[in-house]
Amino acid sequence: MSMDADGFERLVIDELDALPDDMVDGLENVAFVVEDRPADGSLDLLGEYDGTAITDRDRYGFGELPDRIVLYRESLLAMCDDEEQLRDEVHITLVHEIAHYYGIDDEELHELGWA
């Protein structure tokens, strides 16, 4: 599947807006970013949380950079056949990375059926 960067970013925004309020209302100082690929150039990683989970921090101080949730456009496009499947995968990836923000690790995500 192919989609230009602008179209992909609009799709990500739509999926982010569709998430339940109780999932996103607690997000503080988090930037959502779209990049083409991970630094290693692979297509294996769909997204990642770059920050400190709220369960592992005291508070933000002055001048701290925001945490980042990154979605990798080319990785997500490579695994999808159509826009409906892409929307599903973007949704799953957003939920997965937001869960990491809340301190939920991969093992717990699997137990909950989210990964």
PDB file of N, CA and C in Angstrom:
ATOM      1  N   MET A   1       0.845  -1.174   0.000  1.00  0.00           N
ATOM      2  CA  MET A   1       0.000   0.000   0.000  1.00  0.00           C
ATOM      3  C   MET A   1       0.887   1.233   0.000  1.00  0.00           C
ATOM      4  N   SER A   2       0.417   2.294  -0.617  1.00  0.00           N
ATOM      5  CA  SER A   2       1.162   3.549  -0.592  1.00  0.00           C
ATOM      6  C   SER A   2       0.242   4.687  -0.167  1.00  0.00           C
ATOM      7  N   MET A   3       0.845   5.667   0.482  1.00  0.00           N
ATOM      8  CA  MET A   3       0.126   6.867   0.920  1.00  0.00           C
ATOM      9  C   MET A   3       1.190   7.925   1.178  1.00  0.00           C
ATOM     10  N   ASP A   4       0.945   9.136   0.706  1.00  0.00           N
ATOM     11  CA  ASP A   4       1.934  10.186   0.934  1.00  0.00           C
ATOM     12  C   ASP A   4       1.959  10.585   2.403  1.00  0.00           C
ATOM     13  N   ALA A   5       2.998  11.306   2.780  1.00  0.00           N
ATOM     14  CA  ALA A   5       3.215  11.667   4.183  1.00  0.00           C
ATOM     15  C   ALA A   5       2.064  12.489   4.743  1.00  0.00           C
ATOM     16  N   ASP A   6       1.536  13.425   3.971  1.00  0.00           N
ATOM     17  CA  ASP A   6       0.426  14.261   4.458  1.00  0.00           C
ATOM     18  C   ASP A   6      -0.828  13.436   4.709  1.00  0.00           C
ATOM     19  N   GLY A   7      -1.151  12.543   3.790  1.00  0.00           N
ATOM     20  CA  GLY A   7      -2.314  11.685   3.966  1.00  0.00           C
ATOM     21  C   GLY A   7      -2.169  10.774   5.174  1.00  0.00           C
ATOM     22  N   PHE A   8      -0.963  10.257   5.364  1.00  0.00           N
ATOM     23  CA  PHE A   8      -0.711   9.381   6.503  1.00  0.00           C
ATOM     24  C   PHE A   8      -0.859  10.151   7.814  1.00  0.00           C
ATOM     25  N   GLU A   9      -0.319  11.355   7.879  1.00  0.00           N
ATOM     26  CA  GLU A   9      -0.443  12.162   9.095  1.00  0.00           C
ATOM     27  C   GLU A   9      -1.901  12.493   9.396  1.00  0.00           C
ATOM     28  N   ARG A  10      -2.699  12.775   8.371  1.00  0.00           N
ATOM     29  CA  ARG A  10      -4.144  13.022   8.583  1.00  0.00           C
ATOM     30  C   ARG A  10      -4.823  11.775   9.143  1.00  0.00           C
ATOM     31  N   LEU A  11      -4.457  10.611   8.622  1.00  0.00           N
ATOM     32  CA  LEU A  11      -5.024   9.358   9.103  1.00  0.00           C
ATOM     33  C   LEU A  11      -4.652   9.135  10.573  1.00  0.00           C
ATOM     34  N   VAL A  12      -3.404   9.402  10.929  1.00  0.00           N
ATOM     35  CA  VAL A  12      -2.959   9.242  12.323  1.00  0.00           C
ATOM     36  C   VAL A  12      -3.741  10.187  13.229  1.00  0.00           C
ATOM     37  N   ILE A  13      -3.923  11.429  12.804  1.00  0.00           N
ATOM     38  CA  ILE A  13      -4.689  12.396  13.603  1.00  0.00           C
ATOM     39  C   ILE A  13      -6.124  11.919  13.775  1.00  0.00           C
ATOM     40  N   ASP A  14      -6.722  11.404  12.710  1.00  0.00           N
ATOM     41  CA  ASP A  14      -8.094  10.876  12.799  1.00  0.00           C
ATOM     42  C   ASP A  14      -8.172   9.739  13.811  1.00  0.00           C
ATOM     43  N   GLU A  15      -7.216   8.831  13.772  1.00  0.00           N
ATOM     44  CA  GLU A  15      -7.222   7.690  14.692  1.00  0.00           C
ATOM     45  C   GLU A  15      -6.934   8.131  16.120  1.00  0.00           C
ATOM     46  N   LEU A  16      -6.084   9.111  16.285  1.00  0.00           N
ATOM     47  CA  LEU A  16      -5.814   9.648  17.619  1.00  0.00           C
ATOM     48  C   LEU A  16      -7.074  10.313  18.178  1.00  0.00           C
ATOM     49  N   ASP A  17      -7.771  11.066  17.346  1.00  0.00           N
ATOM     50  CA  ASP A  17      -9.019  11.716  17.775  1.00  0.00           C
ATOM     51  C   ASP A  17     -10.106  10.705  18.120  1.00  0.00           C
ATOM     52  N   ALA A  18     -10.042   9.511  17.527  1.00  0.00           N
ATOM     53  CA  ALA A  18     -11.063   8.487  17.760  1.00  0.00           C
ATOM     54  C   ALA A  18     -10.817   7.668  19.029  1.00  0.00           C
ATOM     55  N   LEU A  19      -9.646   7.828  19.649  1.00  0.00           N
ATOM     56  CA  LEU A  19      -9.360   7.078  20.871  1.00  0.00           C
ATOM     57  C   LEU A  19     -10.252   7.558  22.004  1.00  0.00           C
ATOM     58  N   PRO A  20     -10.572   6.673  22.942  1.00  0.00           N
ATOM     59  CA  PRO A  20     -11.434   7.064  24.071  1.00  0.00           C
ATOM     60  C   PRO A  20     -10.796   8.190  24.892  1.00  0.00           C
ATOM     61  N   ASP A  21     -11.639   9.104  25.367  1.00  0.00           N
ATOM     62  CA  ASP A  21     -11.159  10.239  26.156  1.00  0.00           C
ATOM     63  C   ASP A  21     -10.362   9.793  27.369  1.00  0.00           C
ATOM     64  N   ASP A  22     -10.809   8.726  28.042  1.00  0.00           N
ATOM     65  CA  ASP A  22     -10.099   8.309  29.256  1.00  0.00           C
ATOM     66  C   ASP A  22      -8.705   7.771  28.959  1.00  0.00           C
ATOM     67  N   MET A  23      -8.424   7.442  27.712  1.00  0.00           N
ATOM     68  CA  MET A  23      -7.085   6.990  27.336  1.00  0.00           C
ATOM     69  C   MET A  23      -6.163   8.182  27.083  1.00  0.00           C
ATOM     70  N   VAL A  24      -6.678   9.245  26.498  1.00  0.00           N
ATOM     71  CA  VAL A  24      -5.821  10.361  26.105  1.00  0.00           C
ATOM     72  C   VAL A  24      -5.856  11.546  27.065  1.00  0.00           C
ATOM     73  N   ASP A  25      -6.872  11.628  27.905  1.00  0.00           N
ATOM     74  CA  ASP A  25      -6.970  12.771  28.819  1.00  0.00           C
ATOM     75  C   ASP A  25      -5.808  12.844  29.800  1.00  0.00           C
ATOM     76  N   GLY A  26      -5.222  11.724  30.160  1.00  0.00           N
ATOM     77  CA  GLY A  26      -4.123  11.713  31.117  1.00  0.00           C
ATOM     78  C   GLY A  26      -2.752  11.962  30.495  1.00  0.00           C
ATOM     79  N   LEU A  27      -2.695  12.062  29.178  1.00  0.00           N
ATOM     80  CA  LEU A  27      -1.410  12.299  28.519  1.00  0.00           C
ATOM     81  C   LEU A  27      -0.959  13.728  28.784  1.00  0.00           C
ATOM     82  N   GLU A  28       0.260  13.852  29.264  1.00  0.00           N
ATOM     83  CA  GLU A  28       0.801  15.166  29.585  1.00  0.00           C
ATOM     84  C   GLU A  28       2.197  15.290  28.994  1.00  0.00           C
ATOM     85  N   ASN A  29       2.422  16.339  28.242  1.00  0.00           N
ATOM     86  CA  ASN A  29       3.730  16.628  27.668  1.00  0.00           C
ATOM     87  C   ASN A  29       4.201  15.484  26.767  1.00  0.00           C
ATOM     88  N   VAL A  30       3.325  15.064  25.847  1.00  0.00           N
ATOM     89  CA  VAL A  30       3.630  13.995  24.898  1.00  0.00           C
ATOM     90  C   VAL A  30       3.437  14.527  23.486  1.00  0.00           C
ATOM     91  N   ALA A  31       4.440  14.344  22.649  1.00  0.00           N
ATOM     92  CA  ALA A  31       4.350  14.721  21.244  1.00  0.00           C
ATOM     93  C   ALA A  31       4.149  13.458  20.414  1.00  0.00           C
ATOM     94  N   PHE A  32       3.209  13.519  19.494  1.00  0.00           N
ATOM     95  CA  PHE A  32       2.994  12.428  18.549  1.00  0.00           C
ATOM     96  C   PHE A  32       3.713  12.796  17.259  1.00  0.00           C
ATOM     97  N   VAL A  33       4.559  11.872  16.785  1.00  0.00           N
ATOM     98  CA  VAL A  33       5.436  12.153  15.659  1.00  0.00           C
ATOM     99  C   VAL A  33       5.308  11.024  14.639  1.00  0.00           C
ATOM    100  N   VAL A  34       5.343  11.391  13.361  1.00  0.00           N
ATOM    101  CA  VAL A  34       5.405  10.398  12.295  1.00  0.00           C
ATOM    102  C   VAL A  34       6.776  10.509  11.643  1.00  0.00           C
ATOM    103  N   GLU A  35       7.461   9.379  11.540  1.00  0.00           N
ATOM    104  CA  GLU A  35       8.728   9.299  10.826  1.00  0.00           C
ATOM    105  C   GLU A  35       8.602   8.198   9.787  1.00  0.00           C
ATOM    106  N   ASP A  36       9.430   8.277   8.745  1.00  0.00           N
ATOM    107  CA  ASP A  36       9.350   7.263   7.691  1.00  0.00           C
ATOM    108  C   ASP A  36       9.753   5.879   8.195  1.00  0.00           C
ATOM    109  N   ARG A  37      10.924   5.799   8.833  1.00  0.00           N
ATOM    110  CA  ARG A  37      11.459   4.516   9.312  1.00  0.00           C
ATOM    111  C   ARG A  37      12.228   4.720  10.605  1.00  0.00           C
ATOM    112  N   PRO A  38      12.424   3.631  11.363  1.00  0.00           N
ATOM    113  CA  PRO A  38      13.313   3.715  12.525  1.00  0.00           C
ATOM    114  C   PRO A  38      14.745   4.025  12.075  1.00  0.00           C
ATOM    115  N   ALA A  39      15.574   4.434  13.011  1.00  0.00           N
ATOM    116  CA  ALA A  39      16.955   4.823  12.708  1.00  0.00           C
ATOM    117  C   ALA A  39      17.746   3.704  12.034  1.00  0.00           C
ATOM    118  N   ASP A  40      17.430   2.442  12.352  1.00  0.00           N
ATOM    119  CA  ASP A  40      18.172   1.329  11.746  1.00  0.00           C
ATOM    120  C   ASP A  40      17.716   1.027  10.318  1.00  0.00           C
ATOM    121  N   GLY A  41      16.689   1.740   9.836  1.00  0.00           N
ATOM    122  CA  GLY A  41      16.234   1.578   8.460  1.00  0.00           C
ATOM    123  C   GLY A  41      15.331   0.388   8.218  1.00  0.00           C
ATOM    124  N   SER A  42      15.073  -0.404   9.245  1.00  0.00           N
ATOM    125  CA  SER A  42      14.253  -1.607   9.070  1.00  0.00           C
ATOM    126  C   SER A  42      12.773  -1.241   8.978  1.00  0.00           C
ATOM    127  N   LEU A  43      11.983  -2.218   8.612  1.00  0.00           N
ATOM    128  CA  LEU A  43      10.527  -2.056   8.585  1.00  0.00           C
ATOM    129  C   LEU A  43       9.877  -2.880   9.691  1.00  0.00           C
ATOM    130  N   ASP A  44      10.666  -3.346  10.652  1.00  0.00           N
ATOM    131  CA  ASP A  44      10.165  -4.230  11.703  1.00  0.00           C
ATOM    132  C   ASP A  44       9.394  -3.503  12.795  1.00  0.00           C
ATOM    133  N   LEU A  45       9.760  -2.272  13.079  1.00  0.00           N
ATOM    134  CA  LEU A  45       9.181  -1.526  14.181  1.00  0.00           C
ATOM    135  C   LEU A  45       8.079  -0.610  13.665  1.00  0.00           C
ATOM    136  N   LEU A  46       6.861  -0.752  14.227  1.00  0.00           N
ATOM    137  CA  LEU A  46       5.724   0.053  13.777  1.00  0.00           C
ATOM    138  C   LEU A  46       5.640   1.386  14.511  1.00  0.00           C
ATOM    139  N   GLY A  47       6.067   1.388  15.759  1.00  0.00           N
ATOM    140  CA  GLY A  47       6.023   2.600  16.558  1.00  0.00           C
ATOM    141  C   GLY A  47       6.857   2.410  17.802  1.00  0.00           C
ATOM    142  N   GLU A  48       7.076   3.511  18.522  1.00  0.00           N
ATOM    143  CA  GLU A  48       7.797   3.394  19.789  1.00  0.00           C
ATOM    144  C   GLU A  48       7.476   4.567  20.692  1.00  0.00           C
ATOM    145  N   TYR A  49       7.591   4.286  21.977  1.00  0.00           N
ATOM    146  CA  TYR A  49       7.427   5.302  23.006  1.00  0.00           C
ATOM    147  C   TYR A  49       8.814   5.706  23.466  1.00  0.00           C
ATOM    148  N   ASP A  50       9.125   6.971  23.370  1.00  0.00           N
ATOM    149  CA  ASP A  50      10.421   7.503  23.778  1.00  0.00           C
ATOM    150  C   ASP A  50      10.177   8.459  24.936  1.00  0.00           C
ATOM    151  N   GLY A  51      10.387   7.971  26.137  1.00  0.00           N
ATOM    152  CA  GLY A  51      10.149   8.792  27.310  1.00  0.00           C
ATOM    153  C   GLY A  51      10.225   7.965  28.575  1.00  0.00           C
ATOM    154  N   THR A  52       9.737   8.543  29.642  1.00  0.00           N
ATOM    155  CA  THR A  52       9.699   7.873  30.940  1.00  0.00           C
ATOM    156  C   THR A  52       8.244   7.661  31.329  1.00  0.00           C
ATOM    157  N   ALA A  53       7.883   6.417  31.552  1.00  0.00           N
ATOM    158  CA  ALA A  53       6.499   6.094  31.923  1.00  0.00           C
ATOM    159  C   ALA A  53       6.107   6.862  33.181  1.00  0.00           C
ATOM    160  N   ILE A  54       4.836   7.216  33.289  1.00  0.00           N
ATOM    161  CA  ILE A  54       4.395   7.998  34.452  1.00  0.00           C
ATOM    162  C   ILE A  54       4.575   7.220  35.753  1.00  0.00           C
ATOM    163  N   THR A  55       4.658   5.908  35.673  1.00  0.00           N
ATOM    164  CA  THR A  55       4.884   5.101  36.875  1.00  0.00           C
ATOM    165  C   THR A  55       6.331   5.187  37.346  1.00  0.00           C
ATOM    166  N   ASP A  56       7.224   5.713  36.508  1.00  0.00           N
ATOM    167  CA  ASP A  56       8.651   5.783  36.830  1.00  0.00           C
ATOM    168  C   ASP A  56       9.168   7.209  37.017  1.00  0.00           C
ATOM    169  N   ARG A  57       8.292   8.190  37.088  1.00  0.00           N
ATOM    170  CA  ARG A  57       8.759   9.569  37.219  1.00  0.00           C
ATOM    171  C   ARG A  57       8.101  10.254  38.396  1.00  0.00           C
ATOM    172  N   ASP A  58       8.740  11.287  38.849  1.00  0.00           N
ATOM    173  CA  ASP A  58       8.166  12.105  39.916  1.00  0.00           C
ATOM    174  C   ASP A  58       7.283  13.185  39.315  1.00  0.00           C
ATOM    175  N   ARG A  59       7.894  14.030  38.488  1.00  0.00           N
ATOM    176  CA  ARG A  59       7.176  15.123  37.838  1.00  0.00           C
ATOM    177  C   ARG A  59       8.085  15.686  36.766  1.00  0.00           C
ATOM    178  N   TYR A  60       7.525  16.516  35.916  1.00  0.00           N
ATOM    179  CA  TYR A  60       8.334  17.214  34.930  1.00  0.00           C
ATOM    180  C   TYR A  60       8.920  18.455  35.555  1.00  0.00           C
ATOM    181  N   GLY A  61      10.122  18.770  35.151  1.00  0.00           N
ATOM    182  CA  GLY A  61      10.756  19.988  35.613  1.00  0.00           C
ATOM    183  C   GLY A  61      10.797  21.009  34.495  1.00  0.00           C
ATOM    184  N   PHE A  62      11.287  22.164  34.806  1.00  0.00           N
ATOM    185  CA  PHE A  62      11.382  23.242  33.839  1.00  0.00           C
ATOM    186  C   PHE A  62      12.306  22.841  32.692  1.00  0.00           C
ATOM    187  N   GLY A  63      11.853  23.065  31.474  1.00  0.00           N
ATOM    188  CA  GLY A  63      12.681  22.867  30.302  1.00  0.00           C
ATOM    189  C   GLY A  63      12.831  21.440  29.817  1.00  0.00           C
ATOM    190  N   GLU A  64      12.088  20.505  30.376  1.00  0.00           N
ATOM    191  CA  GLU A  64      12.202  19.126  29.910  1.00  0.00           C
ATOM    192  C   GLU A  64      11.495  18.959  28.573  1.00  0.00           C
ATOM    193  N   LEU A  65      12.124  18.196  27.703  1.00  0.00           N
ATOM    194  CA  LEU A  65      11.516  17.906  26.415  1.00  0.00           C
ATOM    195  C   LEU A  65      10.335  16.961  26.616  1.00  0.00           C
ATOM    196  N   PRO A  66       9.357  17.035  25.726  1.00  0.00           N
ATOM    197  CA  PRO A  66       8.215  16.118  25.869  1.00  0.00           C
ATOM    198  C   PRO A  66       8.608  14.688  25.538  1.00  0.00           C
ATOM    199  N   ASP A  67       7.857  13.749  26.109  1.00  0.00           N
ATOM    200  CA  ASP A  67       7.959  12.365  25.673  1.00  0.00           C
ATOM    201  C   ASP A  67       7.478  12.335  24.227  1.00  0.00           C
ATOM    202  N   ARG A  68       7.848  11.269  23.518  1.00  0.00           N
ATOM    203  CA  ARG A  68       7.429  11.157  22.121  1.00  0.00           C
ATOM    204  C   ARG A  68       6.816   9.786  21.873  1.00  0.00           C
ATOM    205  N   ILE A  69       5.754   9.784  21.120  1.00  0.00           N
ATOM    206  CA  ILE A  69       5.206   8.556  20.571  1.00  0.00           C
ATOM    207  C   ILE A  69       5.389   8.673  19.065  1.00  0.00           C
ATOM    208  N   VAL A  70       6.186   7.755  18.527  1.00  0.00           N
ATOM    209  CA  VAL A  70       6.563   7.806  17.125  1.00  0.00           C
ATOM    210  C   VAL A  70       5.870   6.673  16.379  1.00  0.00           C
ATOM    211  N   LEU A  71       5.258   6.998  15.247  1.00  0.00           N
ATOM    212  CA  LEU A  71       4.711   5.991  14.344  1.00  0.00           C
ATOM    213  C   LEU A  71       5.546   6.007  13.079  1.00  0.00           C
ATOM    214  N   TYR A  72       5.896   4.810  12.585  1.00  0.00           N
ATOM    215  CA  TYR A  72       6.748   4.691  11.412  1.00  0.00           C
ATOM    216  C   TYR A  72       5.891   4.389  10.184  1.00  0.00           C
ATOM    217  N   ARG A  73       5.787   5.396   9.339  1.00  0.00           N
ATOM    218  CA  ARG A  73       4.894   5.356   8.176  1.00  0.00           C
ATOM    219  C   ARG A  73       5.204   4.190   7.243  1.00  0.00           C
ATOM    220  N   GLU A  74       6.441   4.052   6.809  1.00  0.00           N
ATOM    221  CA  GLU A  74       6.767   3.010   5.834  1.00  0.00           C
ATOM    222  C   GLU A  74       6.563   1.612   6.412  1.00  0.00           C
ATOM    223  N   SER A  75       6.841   1.434   7.682  1.00  0.00           N
ATOM    224  CA  SER A  75       6.630   0.126   8.328  1.00  0.00           C
ATOM    225  C   SER A  75       5.151  -0.230   8.342  1.00  0.00           C
ATOM    226  N   LEU A  76       4.317   0.732   8.725  1.00  0.00           N
ATOM    227  CA  LEU A  76       2.876   0.480   8.778  1.00  0.00           C
ATOM    228  C   LEU A  76       2.305   0.261   7.383  1.00  0.00           C
ATOM    229  N   LEU A  77       2.736   1.059   6.418  1.00  0.00           N
ATOM    230  CA  LEU A  77       2.240   0.885   5.052  1.00  0.00           C
ATOM    231  C   LEU A  77       2.656  -0.459   4.479  1.00  0.00           C
ATOM    232  N   ALA A  78       3.861  -0.923   4.791  1.00  0.00           N
ATOM    233  CA  ALA A  78       4.369  -2.180   4.244  1.00  0.00           C
ATOM    234  C   ALA A  78       3.564  -3.384   4.696  1.00  0.00           C
ATOM    235  N   MET A  79       2.931  -3.293   5.863  1.00  0.00           N
ATOM    236  CA  MET A  79       2.201  -4.457   6.370  1.00  0.00           C
ATOM    237  C   MET A  79       0.713  -4.439   6.028  1.00  0.00           C
ATOM    238  N   CYS A  80       0.248  -3.380   5.376  1.00  0.00           N
ATOM    239  CA  CYS A  80      -1.188  -3.232   5.132  1.00  0.00           C
ATOM    240  C   CYS A  80      -1.524  -3.309   3.647  1.00  0.00           C
ATOM    241  N   ASP A  81      -2.697  -3.871   3.365  1.00  0.00           N
ATOM    242  CA  ASP A  81      -3.159  -4.006   1.987  1.00  0.00           C
ATOM    243  C   ASP A  81      -4.109  -2.891   1.569  1.00  0.00           C
ATOM    244  N   ASP A  82      -4.789  -2.283   2.542  1.00  0.00           N
ATOM    245  CA  ASP A  82      -5.749  -1.239   2.209  1.00  0.00           C
ATOM    246  C   ASP A  82      -5.881  -0.257   3.371  1.00  0.00           C
ATOM    247  N   GLU A  83      -6.629   0.807   3.164  1.00  0.00           N
ATOM    248  CA  GLU A  83      -6.734   1.849   4.179  1.00  0.00           C
ATOM    249  C   GLU A  83      -7.425   1.367   5.442  1.00  0.00           C
ATOM    250  N   GLU A  84      -8.392   0.493   5.322  1.00  0.00           N
ATOM    251  CA  GLU A  84      -9.072  -0.024   6.515  1.00  0.00           C
ATOM    252  C   GLU A  84      -8.089  -0.781   7.414  1.00  0.00           C
ATOM    253  N   GLN A  85      -7.279  -1.631   6.817  1.00  0.00           N
ATOM    254  CA  GLN A  85      -6.280  -2.364   7.580  1.00  0.00           C
ATOM    255  C   GLN A  85      -5.253  -1.393   8.171  1.00  0.00           C
ATOM    256  N   LEU A  86      -4.874  -0.358   7.410  1.00  0.00           N
ATOM    257  CA  LEU A  86      -3.930   0.637   7.903  1.00  0.00           C
ATOM    258  C   LEU A  86      -4.505   1.366   9.116  1.00  0.00           C
ATOM    259  N   ARG A  87      -5.764   1.749   9.051  1.00  0.00           N
ATOM    260  CA  ARG A  87      -6.402   2.416  10.191  1.00  0.00           C
ATOM    261  C   ARG A  87      -6.378   1.515  11.430  1.00  0.00           C
ATOM    262  N   ASP A  88      -6.665   0.242  11.228  1.00  0.00           N
ATOM    263  CA  ASP A  88      -6.637  -0.706  12.347  1.00  0.00           C
ATOM    264  C   ASP A  88      -5.237  -0.795  12.956  1.00  0.00           C
ATOM    265  N   GLU A  89      -4.226  -0.896  12.124  1.00  0.00           N
ATOM    266  CA  GLU A  89      -2.844  -1.034  12.616  1.00  0.00           C
ATOM    267  C   GLU A  89      -2.364   0.253  13.290  1.00  0.00           C
ATOM    268  N   VAL A  90      -2.740   1.410  12.756  1.00  0.00           N
ATOM    269  CA  VAL A  90      -2.378   2.677  13.393  1.00  0.00           C
ATOM    270  C   VAL A  90      -3.054   2.764  14.761  1.00  0.00           C
ATOM    271  N   HIS A  91      -4.315   2.363  14.828  1.00  0.00           N
ATOM    272  CA  HIS A  91      -5.045   2.376  16.098  1.00  0.00           C
ATOM    273  C   HIS A  91      -4.350   1.478  17.127  1.00  0.00           C
ATOM    274  N   ILE A  92      -4.036   0.264  16.723  1.00  0.00           N
ATOM    275  CA  ILE A  92      -3.377  -0.697  17.618  1.00  0.00           C
ATOM    276  C   ILE A  92      -2.028  -0.153  18.072  1.00  0.00           C
ATOM    277  N   THR A  93      -1.279   0.435  17.158  1.00  0.00           N
ATOM    278  CA  THR A  93       0.045   0.967  17.494  1.00  0.00           C
ATOM    279  C   THR A  93      -0.073   2.138  18.459  1.00  0.00           C
ATOM    280  N   LEU A  94      -1.031   3.029  18.237  1.00  0.00           N
ATOM    281  CA  LEU A  94      -1.243   4.150  19.158  1.00  0.00           C
ATOM    282  C   LEU A  94      -1.584   3.644  20.558  1.00  0.00           C
ATOM    283  N   VAL A  95      -2.509   2.695  20.645  1.00  0.00           N
ATOM    284  CA  VAL A  95      -2.898   2.146  21.947  1.00  0.00           C
ATOM    285  C   VAL A  95      -1.695   1.503  22.629  1.00  0.00           C
ATOM    286  N   HIS A  96      -0.915   0.760  21.868  1.00  0.00           N
ATOM    287  CA  HIS A  96       0.265   0.078  22.403  1.00  0.00           C
ATOM    288  C   HIS A  96       1.264   1.081  22.985  1.00  0.00           C
ATOM    289  N   GLU A  97       1.569   2.120  22.231  1.00  0.00           N
ATOM    290  CA  GLU A  97       2.570   3.090  22.685  1.00  0.00           C
ATOM    291  C   GLU A  97       2.033   3.966  23.824  1.00  0.00           C
ATOM    292  N   ILE A  98       0.772   4.308  23.783  1.00  0.00           N
ATOM    293  CA  ILE A  98       0.176   5.062  24.897  1.00  0.00           C
ATOM    294  C   ILE A  98       0.199   4.213  26.168  1.00  0.00           C
ATOM    295  N   ALA A  99      -0.008   2.921  26.026  1.00  0.00           N
ATOM    296  CA  ALA A  99       0.060   2.023  27.184  1.00  0.00           C
ATOM    297  C   ALA A  99       1.442   2.086  27.826  1.00  0.00           C
ATOM    298  N   HIS A 100       2.488   2.155  27.016  1.00  0.00           N
ATOM    299  CA  HIS A 100       3.842   2.282  27.564  1.00  0.00           C
ATOM    300  C   HIS A 100       3.986   3.582  28.347  1.00  0.00           C
ATOM    301  N   TYR A 101       3.378   4.647  27.896  1.00  0.00           N
ATOM    302  CA  TYR A 101       3.391   5.910  28.635  1.00  0.00           C
ATOM    303  C   TYR A 101       2.812   5.706  30.042  1.00  0.00           C
ATOM    304  N   TYR A 102       1.751   4.916  30.126  1.00  0.00           N
ATOM    305  CA  TYR A 102       1.100   4.649  31.409  1.00  0.00           C
ATOM    306  C   TYR A 102       1.805   3.565  32.228  1.00  0.00           C
ATOM    307  N   GLY A 103       2.929   3.046  31.719  1.00  0.00           N
ATOM    308  CA  GLY A 103       3.704   2.074  32.473  1.00  0.00           C
ATOM    309  C   GLY A 103       3.309   0.632  32.248  1.00  0.00           C
ATOM    310  N   ILE A 104       2.546   0.361  31.223  1.00  0.00           N
ATOM    311  CA  ILE A 104       2.130  -1.007  30.907  1.00  0.00           C
ATOM    312  C   ILE A 104       3.171  -1.595  29.947  1.00  0.00           C
ATOM    313  N   ASP A 105       3.851  -2.657  30.359  1.00  0.00           N
ATOM    314  CA  ASP A 105       4.906  -3.238  29.531  1.00  0.00           C
ATOM    315  C   ASP A 105       4.329  -4.243  28.529  1.00  0.00           C
ATOM    316  N   ASP A 106       5.199  -4.737  27.651  1.00  0.00           N
ATOM    317  CA  ASP A 106       4.757  -5.646  26.589  1.00  0.00           C
ATOM    318  C   ASP A 106       4.113  -6.915  27.137  1.00  0.00           C
ATOM    319  N   GLU A 107       4.665  -7.456  28.218  1.00  0.00           N
ATOM    320  CA  GLU A 107       4.100  -8.679  28.798  1.00  0.00           C
ATOM    321  C   GLU A 107       2.660  -8.445  29.245  1.00  0.00           C
ATOM    322  N   GLU A 108       2.428  -7.333  29.943  1.00  0.00           N
ATOM    323  CA  GLU A 108       1.072  -7.018  30.395  1.00  0.00           C
ATOM    324  C   GLU A 108       0.151  -6.713  29.220  1.00  0.00           C
ATOM    325  N   LEU A 109       0.685  -6.065  28.183  1.00  0.00           N
ATOM    326  CA  LEU A 109      -0.115  -5.805  26.979  1.00  0.00           C
ATOM    327  C   LEU A 109      -0.585  -7.119  26.353  1.00  0.00           C
ATOM    328  N   HIS A 110       0.302  -8.120  26.319  1.00  0.00           N
ATOM    329  CA  HIS A 110      -0.077  -9.429  25.776  1.00  0.00           C
ATOM    330  C   HIS A 110      -1.149 -10.080  26.639  1.00  0.00           C
ATOM    331  N   GLU A 111      -0.981  -9.986  27.963  1.00  0.00           N
ATOM    332  CA  GLU A 111      -1.969 -10.558  28.874  1.00  0.00           C
ATOM    333  C   GLU A 111      -3.335  -9.900  28.700  1.00  0.00           C
ATOM    334  N   LEU A 112      -3.330  -8.599  28.434  1.00  0.00           N
ATOM    335  CA  LEU A 112      -4.579  -7.862  28.235  1.00  0.00           C
ATOM    336  C   LEU A 112      -5.158  -8.047  26.829  1.00  0.00           C
ATOM    337  N   GLY A 113      -4.364  -8.679  25.932  1.00  0.00           N
ATOM    338  CA  GLY A 113      -4.815  -8.874  24.560  1.00  0.00           C
ATOM    339  C   GLY A 113      -4.616  -7.666  23.677  1.00  0.00           C
ATOM    340  N   TRP A 114      -3.756  -6.737  24.085  1.00  0.00           N
ATOM    341  CA  TRP A 114      -3.519  -5.514  23.310  1.00  0.00           C
ATOM    342  C   TRP A 114      -2.293  -5.614  22.413  1.00  0.00           C
ATOM    343  N   ALA A 115      -1.587  -6.715  22.480  1.00  0.00           N
ATOM    344  CA  ALA A 115      -0.370  -6.851  21.656  1.00  0.00           C
ATOM    345  C   ALA A 115      -0.208  -8.289  21.205  1.00  0.00           C
TER     346      ALA A 115
END
